[in-house]
Amino acid sequence: MTVTHVQIVSVPVSDQDRARDFYVDVLGFDLVRDNPMGPGGRWVQVAPKGAATTLTLVTWFPTMSPGSLKGLVLETDDLDGDVARLRELGVAFADGGIQAAPWGRYATFDDPDGNGIVLQATSV
């Protein structure tokens, strides 16, 4: 195989506007695309600033119910600052917030549909 990177991860959502606003306004992602797609559909694509991998916020996969994605891992250089900022914006963290692990520190939360996100700072 000659795979060079993961290009897109599909995140199942129920409301693309609400999801776009969360990923852009709360998480600080860039809006890459928000275009019509087929009859009555939309392609909404977001990405962390400068990232090679993007997320598409999908409503059209019948086998991917909103909130069914768990374990989307986002790396940060400032876990404490990001958790504090997200809390100010109303994001609730599971397990009381930041947890320690042998490989680093992390905090888990859900997007508005219940998709599980891990915000982590990996120890070097």
PDB file of N, CA and C in Angstrom:
ATOM      1  N   MET A   1       0.836  -1.194   0.000  1.00  0.00           N
ATOM      2  CA  MET A   1       0.000   0.000   0.000  1.00  0.00           C
ATOM      3  C   MET A   1       0.872   1.245   0.000  1.00  0.00           C
ATOM      4  N   THR A   2       0.318   2.296  -0.567  1.00  0.00           N
ATOM      5  CA  THR A   2       1.048   3.563  -0.625  1.00  0.00           C
ATOM      6  C   THR A   2       0.266   4.699   0.029  1.00  0.00           C
ATOM      7  N   VAL A   3      -0.480   4.369   1.077  1.00  0.00           N
ATOM      8  CA  VAL A   3      -1.253   5.377   1.789  1.00  0.00           C
ATOM      9  C   VAL A   3      -0.290   6.367   2.433  1.00  0.00           C
ATOM     10  N   THR A   4      -0.568   7.652   2.278  1.00  0.00           N
ATOM     11  CA  THR A   4       0.318   8.678   2.835  1.00  0.00           C
ATOM     12  C   THR A   4      -0.237   9.362   4.075  1.00  0.00           C
ATOM     13  N   HIS A   5      -1.567   9.392   4.217  1.00  0.00           N
ATOM     14  CA  HIS A   5      -2.164  10.005   5.410  1.00  0.00           C
ATOM     15  C   HIS A   5      -3.663   9.744   5.421  1.00  0.00           C
ATOM     16  N   VAL A   6      -4.279  10.020   6.560  1.00  0.00           N
ATOM     17  CA  VAL A   6      -5.738   9.969   6.664  1.00  0.00           C
ATOM     18  C   VAL A   6      -6.240  11.340   6.214  1.00  0.00           C
ATOM     19  N   GLN A   7      -7.087  11.357   5.200  1.00  0.00           N
ATOM     20  CA  GLN A   7      -7.558  12.627   4.664  1.00  0.00           C
ATOM     21  C   GLN A   7      -8.792  13.147   5.388  1.00  0.00           C
ATOM     22  N   ILE A   8      -9.825  12.281   5.532  1.00  0.00           N
ATOM     23  CA  ILE A   8     -11.090  12.723   6.109  1.00  0.00           C
ATOM     24  C   ILE A   8     -11.618  11.666   7.072  1.00  0.00           C
ATOM     25  N   VAL A   9     -12.153  12.121   8.185  1.00  0.00           N
ATOM     26  CA  VAL A   9     -12.889  11.259   9.112  1.00  0.00           C
ATOM     27  C   VAL A   9     -14.318  11.779   9.134  1.00  0.00           C
ATOM     28  N   SER A  10     -15.286  10.897   8.921  1.00  0.00           N
ATOM     29  CA  SER A  10     -16.696  11.284   8.941  1.00  0.00           C
ATOM     30  C   SER A  10     -17.232  11.234  10.363  1.00  0.00           C
ATOM     31  N   VAL A  11     -17.846  12.326  10.783  1.00  0.00           N
ATOM     32  CA  VAL A  11     -18.441  12.438  12.114  1.00  0.00           C
ATOM     33  C   VAL A  11     -19.960  12.515  11.935  1.00  0.00           C
ATOM     34  N   PRO A  12     -20.708  11.519  12.445  1.00  0.00           N
ATOM     35  CA  PRO A  12     -22.155  11.510  12.249  1.00  0.00           C
ATOM     36  C   PRO A  12     -22.868  12.491  13.188  1.00  0.00           C
ATOM     37  N   VAL A  13     -23.634  13.397  12.585  1.00  0.00           N
ATOM     38  CA  VAL A  13     -24.342  14.424  13.354  1.00  0.00           C
ATOM     39  C   VAL A  13     -25.800  14.475  12.924  1.00  0.00           C
ATOM     40  N   SER A  14     -26.632  15.071  13.752  1.00  0.00           N
ATOM     41  CA  SER A  14     -28.045  15.213  13.413  1.00  0.00           C
ATOM     42  C   SER A  14     -28.357  16.573  12.798  1.00  0.00           C
ATOM     43  N   ASP A  15     -27.563  17.570  13.116  1.00  0.00           N
ATOM     44  CA  ASP A  15     -27.802  18.938  12.661  1.00  0.00           C
ATOM     45  C   ASP A  15     -26.459  19.524  12.230  1.00  0.00           C
ATOM     46  N   GLN A  16     -26.266  19.680  10.925  1.00  0.00           N
ATOM     47  CA  GLN A  16     -24.964  20.138  10.427  1.00  0.00           C
ATOM     48  C   GLN A  16     -24.649  21.569  10.853  1.00  0.00           C
ATOM     49  N   ASP A  17     -25.648  22.439  10.953  1.00  0.00           N
ATOM     50  CA  ASP A  17     -25.389  23.809  11.394  1.00  0.00           C
ATOM     51  C   ASP A  17     -24.888  23.826  12.833  1.00  0.00           C
ATOM     52  N   ARG A  18     -25.582  23.111  13.700  1.00  0.00           N
ATOM     53  CA  ARG A  18     -25.184  23.058  15.118  1.00  0.00           C
ATOM     54  C   ARG A  18     -23.796  22.451  15.260  1.00  0.00           C
ATOM     55  N   ALA A  19     -23.521  21.364  14.536  1.00  0.00           N
ATOM     56  CA  ALA A  19     -22.209  20.717  14.603  1.00  0.00           C
ATOM     57  C   ALA A  19     -21.117  21.635  14.065  1.00  0.00           C
ATOM     58  N   ARG A  20     -21.382  22.283  12.924  1.00  0.00           N
ATOM     59  CA  ARG A  20     -20.400  23.220  12.352  1.00  0.00           C
ATOM     60  C   ARG A  20     -20.083  24.318  13.362  1.00  0.00           C
ATOM     61  N   ASP A  21     -21.107  24.882  13.979  1.00  0.00           N
ATOM     62  CA  ASP A  21     -20.877  25.950  14.952  1.00  0.00           C
ATOM     63  C   ASP A  21     -20.047  25.458  16.130  1.00  0.00           C
ATOM     64  N   PHE A  22     -20.280  24.237  16.595  1.00  0.00           N
ATOM     65  CA  PHE A  22     -19.503  23.687  17.708  1.00  0.00           C
ATOM     66  C   PHE A  22     -18.043  23.502  17.311  1.00  0.00           C
ATOM     67  N   TYR A  23     -17.809  22.849  16.187  1.00  0.00           N
ATOM     68  CA  TYR A  23     -16.432  22.565  15.788  1.00  0.00           C
ATOM     69  C   TYR A  23     -15.661  23.834  15.407  1.00  0.00           C
ATOM     70  N   VAL A  24     -16.343  24.819  14.836  1.00  0.00           N
ATOM     71  CA  VAL A  24     -15.677  26.059  14.446  1.00  0.00           C
ATOM     72  C   VAL A  24     -15.617  27.053  15.602  1.00  0.00           C
ATOM     73  N   ASP A  25     -16.763  27.357  16.210  1.00  0.00           N
ATOM     74  CA  ASP A  25     -16.813  28.416  17.224  1.00  0.00           C
ATOM     75  C   ASP A  25     -16.317  27.975  18.595  1.00  0.00           C
ATOM     76  N   VAL A  26     -16.539  26.718  18.954  1.00  0.00           N
ATOM     77  CA  VAL A  26     -16.128  26.244  20.278  1.00  0.00           C
ATOM     78  C   VAL A  26     -14.735  25.617  20.220  1.00  0.00           C
ATOM     79  N   LEU A  27     -14.536  24.683  19.298  1.00  0.00           N
ATOM     80  CA  LEU A  27     -13.229  24.016  19.229  1.00  0.00           C
ATOM     81  C   LEU A  27     -12.184  24.813  18.454  1.00  0.00           C
ATOM     82  N   GLY A  28     -12.607  25.806  17.691  1.00  0.00           N
ATOM     83  CA  GLY A  28     -11.654  26.661  16.982  1.00  0.00           C
ATOM     84  C   GLY A  28     -11.152  26.090  15.667  1.00  0.00           C
ATOM     85  N   PHE A  29     -11.857  25.113  15.109  1.00  0.00           N
ATOM     86  CA  PHE A  29     -11.465  24.541  13.825  1.00  0.00           C
ATOM     87  C   PHE A  29     -11.741  25.545  12.703  1.00  0.00           C
ATOM     88  N   ASP A  30     -11.049  25.364  11.584  1.00  0.00           N
ATOM     89  CA  ASP A  30     -11.333  26.135  10.375  1.00  0.00           C
ATOM     90  C   ASP A  30     -12.477  25.474   9.625  1.00  0.00           C
ATOM     91  N   LEU A  31     -13.325  26.278   9.016  1.00  0.00           N
ATOM     92  CA  LEU A  31     -14.342  25.764   8.108  1.00  0.00           C
ATOM     93  C   LEU A  31     -13.683  25.627   6.747  1.00  0.00           C
ATOM     94  N   VAL A  32     -13.504  24.403   6.303  1.00  0.00           N
ATOM     95  CA  VAL A  32     -12.845  24.131   5.019  1.00  0.00           C
ATOM     96  C   VAL A  32     -13.843  24.278   3.876  1.00  0.00           C
ATOM     97  N   ARG A  33     -15.032  23.694   4.039  1.00  0.00           N
ATOM     98  CA  ARG A  33     -16.071  23.719   3.012  1.00  0.00           C
ATOM     99  C   ARG A  33     -17.447  23.610   3.646  1.00  0.00           C
ATOM    100  N   ASP A  34     -18.397  24.300   3.049  1.00  0.00           N
ATOM    101  CA  ASP A  34     -19.806  24.148   3.381  1.00  0.00           C
ATOM    102  C   ASP A  34     -20.553  24.354   2.074  1.00  0.00           C
ATOM    103  N   ASN A  35     -20.731  23.260   1.328  1.00  0.00           N
ATOM    104  CA  ASN A  35     -21.276  23.321  -0.025  1.00  0.00           C
ATOM    105  C   ASN A  35     -22.471  22.394  -0.176  1.00  0.00           C
ATOM    106  N   PRO A  36     -23.375  22.743  -1.101  1.00  0.00           N
ATOM    107  CA  PRO A  36     -24.451  21.806  -1.442  1.00  0.00           C
ATOM    108  C   PRO A  36     -23.859  20.505  -1.984  1.00  0.00           C
ATOM    109  N   MET A  37     -24.544  19.407  -1.720  1.00  0.00           N
ATOM    110  CA  MET A  37     -24.085  18.102  -2.201  1.00  0.00           C
ATOM    111  C   MET A  37     -25.313  17.274  -2.561  1.00  0.00           C
ATOM    112  N   GLY A  38     -25.551  17.122  -3.838  1.00  0.00           N
ATOM    113  CA  GLY A  38     -26.701  16.341  -4.266  1.00  0.00           C
ATOM    114  C   GLY A  38     -27.997  17.014  -3.865  1.00  0.00           C
ATOM    115  N   PRO A  39     -29.107  16.359  -4.130  1.00  0.00           N
ATOM    116  CA  PRO A  39     -30.400  16.956  -3.794  1.00  0.00           C
ATOM    117  C   PRO A  39     -30.628  16.995  -2.280  1.00  0.00           C
ATOM    118  N   GLY A  40     -30.689  18.204  -1.747  1.00  0.00           N
ATOM    119  CA  GLY A  40     -31.005  18.381  -0.340  1.00  0.00           C
ATOM    120  C   GLY A  40     -29.880  18.079   0.633  1.00  0.00           C
ATOM    121  N   GLY A  41     -28.672  17.809   0.151  1.00  0.00           N
ATOM    122  CA  GLY A  41     -27.567  17.478   1.040  1.00  0.00           C
ATOM    123  C   GLY A  41     -26.522  18.580   1.102  1.00  0.00           C
ATOM    124  N   ARG A  42     -25.628  18.446   2.075  1.00  0.00           N
ATOM    125  CA  ARG A  42     -24.536  19.413   2.238  1.00  0.00           C
ATOM    126  C   ARG A  42     -23.255  18.680   2.565  1.00  0.00           C
ATOM    127  N   TRP A  43     -22.158  19.237   2.119  1.00  0.00           N
ATOM    128  CA  TRP A  43     -20.823  18.779   2.486  1.00  0.00           C
ATOM    129  C   TRP A  43     -20.260  19.831   3.428  1.00  0.00           C
ATOM    130  N   VAL A  44     -20.141  19.485   4.714  1.00  0.00           N
ATOM    131  CA  VAL A  44     -19.587  20.402   5.710  1.00  0.00           C
ATOM    132  C   VAL A  44     -18.292  19.774   6.208  1.00  0.00           C
ATOM    133  N   GLN A  45     -17.182  20.472   5.963  1.00  0.00           N
ATOM    134  CA  GLN A  45     -15.856  19.946   6.275  1.00  0.00           C
ATOM    135  C   GLN A  45     -15.110  20.958   7.140  1.00  0.00           C
ATOM    136  N   VAL A  46     -14.543  20.473   8.246  1.00  0.00           N
ATOM    137  CA  VAL A  46     -13.804  21.322   9.187  1.00  0.00           C
ATOM    138  C   VAL A  46     -12.461  20.671   9.483  1.00  0.00           C
ATOM    139  N   ALA A  47     -11.540  21.476  10.021  1.00  0.00           N
ATOM    140  CA  ALA A  47     -10.210  20.942  10.351  1.00  0.00           C
ATOM    141  C   ALA A  47      -9.530  21.812  11.397  1.00  0.00           C
ATOM    142  N   PRO A  48      -8.726  21.190  12.257  1.00  0.00           N
ATOM    143  CA  PRO A  48      -7.871  22.000  13.124  1.00  0.00           C
ATOM    144  C   PRO A  48      -6.939  22.840  12.246  1.00  0.00           C
ATOM    145  N   LYS A  49      -6.582  24.005  12.698  1.00  0.00           N
ATOM    146  CA  LYS A  49      -5.713  24.884  11.918  1.00  0.00           C
ATOM    147  C   LYS A  49      -4.422  24.158  11.524  1.00  0.00           C
ATOM    148  N   GLY A  50      -4.140  24.136  10.231  1.00  0.00           N
ATOM    149  CA  GLY A  50      -2.912  23.552   9.718  1.00  0.00           C
ATOM    150  C   GLY A  50      -2.887  22.035   9.648  1.00  0.00           C
ATOM    151  N   ALA A  51      -3.974  21.361   9.965  1.00  0.00           N
ATOM    152  CA  ALA A  51      -3.988  19.892   9.989  1.00  0.00           C
ATOM    153  C   ALA A  51      -4.147  19.308   8.589  1.00  0.00           C
ATOM    154  N   ALA A  52      -3.554  18.145   8.374  1.00  0.00           N
ATOM    155  CA  ALA A  52      -3.726  17.425   7.110  1.00  0.00           C
ATOM    156  C   ALA A  52      -5.037  16.657   7.095  1.00  0.00           C
ATOM    157  N   THR A  53      -5.469  16.176   8.244  1.00  0.00           N
ATOM    158  CA  THR A  53      -6.714  15.414   8.334  1.00  0.00           C
ATOM    159  C   THR A  53      -7.869  16.359   8.652  1.00  0.00           C
ATOM    160  N   THR A  54      -8.991  16.164   7.947  1.00  0.00           N
ATOM    161  CA  THR A  54     -10.171  16.978   8.178  1.00  0.00           C
ATOM    162  C   THR A  54     -11.322  16.095   8.657  1.00  0.00           C
ATOM    163  N   LEU A  55     -12.367  16.747   9.139  1.00  0.00           N
ATOM    164  CA  LEU A  55     -13.589  16.052   9.541  1.00  0.00           C
ATOM    165  C   LEU A  55     -14.709  16.507   8.620  1.00  0.00           C
ATOM    166  N   THR A  56     -15.540  15.588   8.202  1.00  0.00           N
ATOM    167  CA  THR A  56     -16.759  15.960   7.504  1.00  0.00           C
ATOM    168  C   THR A  56     -17.933  15.604   8.415  1.00  0.00           C
ATOM    169  N   LEU A  57     -18.836  16.539   8.564  1.00  0.00           N
ATOM    170  CA  LEU A  57     -19.968  16.406   9.479  1.00  0.00           C
ATOM    171  C   LEU A  57     -21.136  15.865   8.674  1.00  0.00           C
ATOM    172  N   VAL A  58     -21.413  14.575   8.827  1.00  0.00           N
ATOM    173  CA  VAL A  58     -22.303  13.857   7.915  1.00  0.00           C
ATOM    174  C   VAL A  58     -23.656  13.542   8.535  1.00  0.00           C
ATOM    175  N   THR A  59     -24.666  13.553   7.667  1.00  0.00           N
ATOM    176  CA  THR A  59     -26.021  13.174   8.059  1.00  0.00           C
ATOM    177  C   THR A  59     -26.569  12.085   7.152  1.00  0.00           C
ATOM    178  N   TRP A  60     -25.815  11.640   6.189  1.00  0.00           N
ATOM    179  CA  TRP A  60     -26.354  10.781   5.121  1.00  0.00           C
ATOM    180  C   TRP A  60     -25.972   9.313   5.190  1.00  0.00           C
ATOM    181  N   PHE A  61     -25.263   8.858   6.189  1.00  0.00           N
ATOM    182  CA  PHE A  61     -24.919   7.448   6.311  1.00  0.00           C
ATOM    183  C   PHE A  61     -25.910   6.770   7.253  1.00  0.00           C
ATOM    184  N   PRO A  62     -26.811   5.938   6.738  1.00  0.00           N
ATOM    185  CA  PRO A  62     -27.825   5.339   7.614  1.00  0.00           C
ATOM    186  C   PRO A  62     -27.240   4.417   8.689  1.00  0.00           C
ATOM    187  N   THR A  63     -26.046   3.897   8.485  1.00  0.00           N
ATOM    188  CA  THR A  63     -25.442   3.010   9.484  1.00  0.00           C
ATOM    189  C   THR A  63     -24.607   3.774  10.511  1.00  0.00           C
ATOM    190  N   MET A  64     -24.501   5.097  10.350  1.00  0.00           N
ATOM    191  CA  MET A  64     -23.751   5.929  11.300  1.00  0.00           C
ATOM    192  C   MET A  64     -24.731   6.872  11.986  1.00  0.00           C
ATOM    193  N   SER A  65     -25.265   6.452  13.103  1.00  0.00           N
ATOM    194  CA  SER A  65     -26.221   7.314  13.794  1.00  0.00           C
ATOM    195  C   SER A  65     -25.483   8.444  14.514  1.00  0.00           C
ATOM    196  N   PRO A  66     -26.117   9.617  14.599  1.00  0.00           N
ATOM    197  CA  PRO A  66     -25.496  10.735  15.305  1.00  0.00           C
ATOM    198  C   PRO A  66     -25.070  10.321  16.709  1.00  0.00           C
ATOM    199  N   GLY A  67     -23.855  10.684  17.081  1.00  0.00           N
ATOM    200  CA  GLY A  67     -23.341  10.365  18.405  1.00  0.00           C
ATOM    201  C   GLY A  67     -22.663   9.014  18.507  1.00  0.00           C
ATOM    202  N   SER A  68     -22.578   8.277  17.411  1.00  0.00           N
ATOM    203  CA  SER A  68     -22.013   6.920  17.472  1.00  0.00           C
ATOM    204  C   SER A  68     -20.492   6.877  17.376  1.00  0.00           C
ATOM    205  N   LEU A  69     -19.859   7.983  17.035  1.00  0.00           N
ATOM    206  CA  LEU A  69     -18.396   8.009  16.950  1.00  0.00           C
ATOM    207  C   LEU A  69     -17.820   8.231  18.347  1.00  0.00           C
ATOM    208  N   LYS A  70     -16.932   7.355  18.752  1.00  0.00           N
ATOM    209  CA  LYS A  70     -16.285   7.494  20.071  1.00  0.00           C
ATOM    210  C   LYS A  70     -14.773   7.417  19.877  1.00  0.00           C
ATOM    211  N   GLY A  71     -14.044   8.194  20.647  1.00  0.00           N
ATOM    212  CA  GLY A  71     -12.590   8.093  20.624  1.00  0.00           C
ATOM    213  C   GLY A  71     -11.903   8.933  19.570  1.00  0.00           C
ATOM    214  N   LEU A  72     -12.527  10.021  19.113  1.00  0.00           N
ATOM    215  CA  LEU A  72     -11.832  10.958  18.229  1.00  0.00           C
ATOM    216  C   LEU A  72     -10.806  11.683  19.093  1.00  0.00           C
ATOM    217  N   VAL A  73      -9.532  11.519  18.793  1.00  0.00           N
ATOM    218  CA  VAL A  73      -8.469  12.052  19.642  1.00  0.00           C
ATOM    219  C   VAL A  73      -7.879  13.308  19.013  1.00  0.00           C
ATOM    220  N   LEU A  74      -7.888  14.393  19.776  1.00  0.00           N
ATOM    221  CA  LEU A  74      -7.315  15.665  19.355  1.00  0.00           C
ATOM    222  C   LEU A  74      -6.111  15.966  20.243  1.00  0.00           C
ATOM    223  N   GLU A  75      -4.980  16.233  19.646  1.00  0.00           N
ATOM    224  CA  GLU A  75      -3.749  16.540  20.389  1.00  0.00           C
ATOM    225  C   GLU A  75      -3.669  18.046  20.626  1.00  0.00           C
ATOM    226  N   THR A  76      -3.214  18.440  21.819  1.00  0.00           N
ATOM    227  CA  THR A  76      -3.045  19.852  22.153  1.00  0.00           C
ATOM    228  C   THR A  76      -1.707  20.087  22.833  1.00  0.00           C
ATOM    229  N   ASP A  77      -1.185  21.289  22.674  1.00  0.00           N
ATOM    230  CA  ASP A  77       0.046  21.700  23.366  1.00  0.00           C
ATOM    231  C   ASP A  77      -0.267  22.395  24.688  1.00  0.00           C
ATOM    232  N   ASP A  78      -1.551  22.692  24.945  1.00  0.00           N
ATOM    233  CA  ASP A  78      -1.946  23.404  26.156  1.00  0.00           C
ATOM    234  C   ASP A  78      -3.246  22.808  26.703  1.00  0.00           C
ATOM    235  N   LEU A  79      -3.151  21.620  27.254  1.00  0.00           N
ATOM    236  CA  LEU A  79      -4.339  20.927  27.757  1.00  0.00           C
ATOM    237  C   LEU A  79      -5.051  21.739  28.835  1.00  0.00           C
ATOM    238  N   ASP A  80      -4.310  22.254  29.796  1.00  0.00           N
ATOM    239  CA  ASP A  80      -4.927  23.017  30.882  1.00  0.00           C
ATOM    240  C   ASP A  80      -5.663  24.243  30.353  1.00  0.00           C
ATOM    241  N   GLY A  81      -5.014  24.994  29.481  1.00  0.00           N
ATOM    242  CA  GLY A  81      -5.632  26.190  28.913  1.00  0.00           C
ATOM    243  C   GLY A  81      -6.837  25.867  28.055  1.00  0.00           C
ATOM    244  N   ASP A  82      -6.733  24.821  27.250  1.00  0.00           N
ATOM    245  CA  ASP A  82      -7.858  24.445  26.384  1.00  0.00           C
ATOM    246  C   ASP A  82      -9.048  23.956  27.191  1.00  0.00           C
ATOM    247  N   VAL A  83      -8.808  23.167  28.220  1.00  0.00           N
ATOM    248  CA  VAL A  83      -9.906  22.688  29.062  1.00  0.00           C
ATOM    249  C   VAL A  83     -10.584  23.877  29.753  1.00  0.00           C
ATOM    250  N   ALA A  84      -9.796  24.813  30.268  1.00  0.00           N
ATOM    251  CA  ALA A  84     -10.376  25.996  30.926  1.00  0.00           C
ATOM    252  C   ALA A  84     -11.214  26.803  29.933  1.00  0.00           C
ATOM    253  N   ARG A  85     -10.703  27.014  28.739  1.00  0.00           N
ATOM    254  CA  ARG A  85     -11.426  27.778  27.718  1.00  0.00           C
ATOM    255  C   ARG A  85     -12.718  27.074  27.320  1.00  0.00           C
ATOM    256  N   LEU A  86     -12.650  25.763  27.112  1.00  0.00           N
ATOM    257  CA  LEU A  86     -13.838  25.014  26.720  1.00  0.00           C
ATOM    258  C   LEU A  86     -14.889  25.010  27.838  1.00  0.00           C
ATOM    259  N   ARG A  87     -14.440  24.929  29.074  1.00  0.00           N
ATOM    260  CA  ARG A  87     -15.384  24.997  30.210  1.00  0.00           C
ATOM    261  C   ARG A  87     -16.118  26.338  30.214  1.00  0.00           C
ATOM    262  N   GLU A  88     -15.372  27.415  29.943  1.00  0.00           N
ATOM    263  CA  GLU A  88     -15.995  28.743  29.878  1.00  0.00           C
ATOM    264  C   GLU A  88     -17.059  28.809  28.782  1.00  0.00           C
ATOM    265  N   LEU A  89     -16.893  28.009  27.742  1.00  0.00           N
ATOM    266  CA  LEU A  89     -17.846  27.975  26.637  1.00  0.00           C
ATOM    267  C   LEU A  89     -18.955  26.950  26.860  1.00  0.00           C
ATOM    268  N   GLY A  90     -18.979  26.327  28.059  1.00  0.00           N
ATOM    269  CA  GLY A  90     -20.066  25.430  28.422  1.00  0.00           C
ATOM    270  C   GLY A  90     -19.841  23.955  28.137  1.00  0.00           C
ATOM    271  N   VAL A  91     -18.634  23.567  27.738  1.00  0.00           N
ATOM    272  CA  VAL A  91     -18.355  22.154  27.478  1.00  0.00           C
ATOM    273  C   VAL A  91     -18.199  21.426  28.811  1.00  0.00           C
ATOM    274  N   ALA A  92     -18.890  20.315  28.954  1.00  0.00           N
ATOM    275  CA  ALA A  92     -18.809  19.493  30.161  1.00  0.00           C
ATOM    276  C   ALA A  92     -17.829  18.353  29.927  1.00  0.00           C
ATOM    277  N   PHE A  93     -16.938  18.146  30.872  1.00  0.00           N
ATOM    278  CA  PHE A  93     -15.925  17.095  30.768  1.00  0.00           C
ATOM    279  C   PHE A  93     -16.291  15.908  31.636  1.00  0.00           C
ATOM    280  N   ALA A  94     -16.099  14.712  31.085  1.00  0.00           N
ATOM    281  CA  ALA A  94     -16.349  13.473  31.832  1.00  0.00           C
ATOM    282  C   ALA A  94     -15.267  13.287  32.888  1.00  0.00           C
ATOM    283  N   ASP A  95     -15.569  12.527  33.897  1.00  0.00           N
ATOM    284  CA  ASP A  95     -14.588  12.161  34.929  1.00  0.00           C
ATOM    285  C   ASP A  95     -13.957  13.360  35.622  1.00  0.00           C
ATOM    286  N   GLY A  96     -14.645  14.475  35.667  1.00  0.00           N
ATOM    287  CA  GLY A  96     -14.153  15.632  36.400  1.00  0.00           C
ATOM    288  C   GLY A  96     -13.098  16.450  35.693  1.00  0.00           C
ATOM    289  N   GLY A  97     -12.706  16.092  34.502  1.00  0.00           N
ATOM    290  CA  GLY A  97     -11.729  16.911  33.780  1.00  0.00           C
ATOM    291  C   GLY A  97     -10.488  16.137  33.394  1.00  0.00           C
ATOM    292  N   ILE A  98      -9.355  16.720  33.678  1.00  0.00           N
ATOM    293  CA  ILE A  98      -8.079  16.177  33.208  1.00  0.00           C
ATOM    294  C   ILE A  98      -7.684  14.940  34.003  1.00  0.00           C
ATOM    295  N   GLN A  99      -7.301  13.911  33.281  1.00  0.00           N
ATOM    296  CA  GLN A  99      -6.839  12.643  33.852  1.00  0.00           C
ATOM    297  C   GLN A  99      -5.387  12.416  33.452  1.00  0.00           C
ATOM    298  N   ALA A 100      -4.658  11.686  34.277  1.00  0.00           N
ATOM    299  CA  ALA A 100      -3.269  11.342  33.974  1.00  0.00           C
ATOM    300  C   ALA A 100      -3.188   9.889  33.536  1.00  0.00           C
ATOM    301  N   ALA A 101      -2.291   9.623  32.610  1.00  0.00           N
ATOM    302  CA  ALA A 101      -2.029   8.265  32.119  1.00  0.00           C
ATOM    303  C   ALA A 101      -0.520   8.135  31.914  1.00  0.00           C
ATOM    304  N   PRO A 102      -0.002   6.911  31.793  1.00  0.00           N
ATOM    305  CA  PRO A 102       1.442   6.741  31.601  1.00  0.00           C
ATOM    306  C   PRO A 102       1.976   7.466  30.361  1.00  0.00           C
ATOM    307  N   TRP A 103       1.146   7.648  29.361  1.00  0.00           N
ATOM    308  CA  TRP A 103       1.579   8.271  28.104  1.00  0.00           C
ATOM    309  C   TRP A 103       1.350   9.767  28.039  1.00  0.00           C
ATOM    310  N   GLY A 104       0.628  10.339  29.039  1.00  0.00           N
ATOM    311  CA  GLY A 104       0.354  11.772  29.023  1.00  0.00           C
ATOM    312  C   GLY A 104      -0.876  12.108  29.839  1.00  0.00           C
ATOM    313  N   ARG A 105      -1.543  13.194  29.479  1.00  0.00           N
ATOM    314  CA  ARG A 105      -2.747  13.642  30.173  1.00  0.00           C
ATOM    315  C   ARG A 105      -3.856  13.849  29.148  1.00  0.00           C
ATOM    316  N   TYR A 106      -5.116  13.731  29.607  1.00  0.00           N
ATOM    317  CA  TYR A 106      -6.230  13.864  28.675  1.00  0.00           C
ATOM    318  C   TYR A 106      -7.507  14.269  29.418  1.00  0.00           C
ATOM    319  N   ALA A 107      -8.457  14.747  28.640  1.00  0.00           N
ATOM    320  CA  ALA A 107      -9.791  15.060  29.141  1.00  0.00           C
ATOM    321  C   ALA A 107     -10.777  14.651  28.056  1.00  0.00           C
ATOM    322  N   THR A 108     -11.926  14.119  28.455  1.00  0.00           N
ATOM    323  CA  THR A 108     -12.911  13.656  27.482  1.00  0.00           C
ATOM    324  C   THR A 108     -14.202  14.465  27.585  1.00  0.00           C
ATOM    325  N   PHE A 109     -14.817  14.666  26.430  1.00  0.00           N
ATOM    326  CA  PHE A 109     -16.083  15.383  26.354  1.00  0.00           C
ATOM    327  C   PHE A 109     -16.815  14.930  25.098  1.00  0.00           C
ATOM    328  N   ASP A 110     -18.048  15.362  24.967  1.00  0.00           N
ATOM    329  CA  ASP A 110     -18.858  15.016  23.803  1.00  0.00           C
ATOM    330  C   ASP A 110     -19.196  16.261  23.000  1.00  0.00           C
ATOM    331  N   ASP A 111     -19.377  16.061  21.700  1.00  0.00           N
ATOM    332  CA  ASP A 111     -19.913  17.142  20.884  1.00  0.00           C
ATOM    333  C   ASP A 111     -21.419  17.196  21.116  1.00  0.00           C
ATOM    334  N   PRO A 112     -22.145  18.136  20.512  1.00  0.00           N
ATOM    335  CA  PRO A 112     -23.585  18.254  20.797  1.00  0.00           C
ATOM    336  C   PRO A 112     -24.404  17.004  20.486  1.00  0.00           C
ATOM    337  N   ASP A 113     -23.914  16.105  19.623  1.00  0.00           N
ATOM    338  CA  ASP A 113     -24.645  14.880  19.306  1.00  0.00           C
ATOM    339  C   ASP A 113     -24.232  13.702  20.172  1.00  0.00           C
ATOM    340  N   GLY A 114     -23.204  13.872  21.006  1.00  0.00           N
ATOM    341  CA  GLY A 114     -22.739  12.773  21.839  1.00  0.00           C
ATOM    342  C   GLY A 114     -21.554  12.019  21.269  1.00  0.00           C
ATOM    343  N   ASN A 115     -20.977  12.498  20.167  1.00  0.00           N
ATOM    344  CA  ASN A 115     -19.738  11.901  19.670  1.00  0.00           C
ATOM    345  C   ASN A 115     -18.638  12.155  20.689  1.00  0.00           C
ATOM    346  N   GLY A 116     -17.906  11.113  21.078  1.00  0.00           N
ATOM    347  CA  GLY A 116     -16.908  11.220  22.128  1.00  0.00           C
ATOM    348  C   GLY A 116     -15.575  11.723  21.627  1.00  0.00           C
ATOM    349  N   ILE A 117     -15.063  12.750  22.289  1.00  0.00           N
ATOM    350  CA  ILE A 117     -13.792  13.382  21.897  1.00  0.00           C
ATOM    351  C   ILE A 117     -12.823  13.300  23.067  1.00  0.00           C
ATOM    352  N   VAL A 118     -11.579  12.975  22.755  1.00  0.00           N
ATOM    353  CA  VAL A 118     -10.502  12.946  23.736  1.00  0.00           C
ATOM    354  C   VAL A 118      -9.548  14.094  23.376  1.00  0.00           C
ATOM    355  N   LEU A 119      -9.348  14.991  24.303  1.00  0.00           N
ATOM    356  CA  LEU A 119      -8.369  16.070  24.137  1.00  0.00           C
ATOM    357  C   LEU A 119      -7.155  15.652  24.934  1.00  0.00           C
ATOM    358  N   GLN A 120      -6.018  15.496  24.284  1.00  0.00           N
ATOM    359  CA  GLN A 120      -4.865  14.938  24.995  1.00  0.00           C
ATOM    360  C   GLN A 120      -3.591  15.736  24.755  1.00  0.00           C
ATOM    361  N   ALA A 121      -2.693  15.614  25.730  1.00  0.00           N
ATOM    362  CA  ALA A 121      -1.332  16.133  25.642  1.00  0.00           C
ATOM    363  C   ALA A 121      -0.414  14.955  25.892  1.00  0.00           C
ATOM    364  N   THR A 122       0.206  14.480  24.852  1.00  0.00           N
ATOM    365  CA  THR A 122       1.065  13.312  24.937  1.00  0.00           C
ATOM    366  C   THR A 122       2.413  13.693  25.517  1.00  0.00           C
ATOM    367  N   SER A 123       2.907  12.913  26.474  1.00  0.00           N
ATOM    368  CA  SER A 123       4.244  13.152  27.030  1.00  0.00           C
ATOM    369  C   SER A 123       5.280  12.642  26.036  1.00  0.00           C
ATOM    370  N   VAL A 124       6.345  13.360  25.948  1.00  0.00           N
ATOM    371  CA  VAL A 124       7.415  12.954  25.035  1.00  0.00           C
ATOM    372  C   VAL A 124       8.425  12.100  25.749  1.00  0.00           C
TER     373      VAL A 124
END
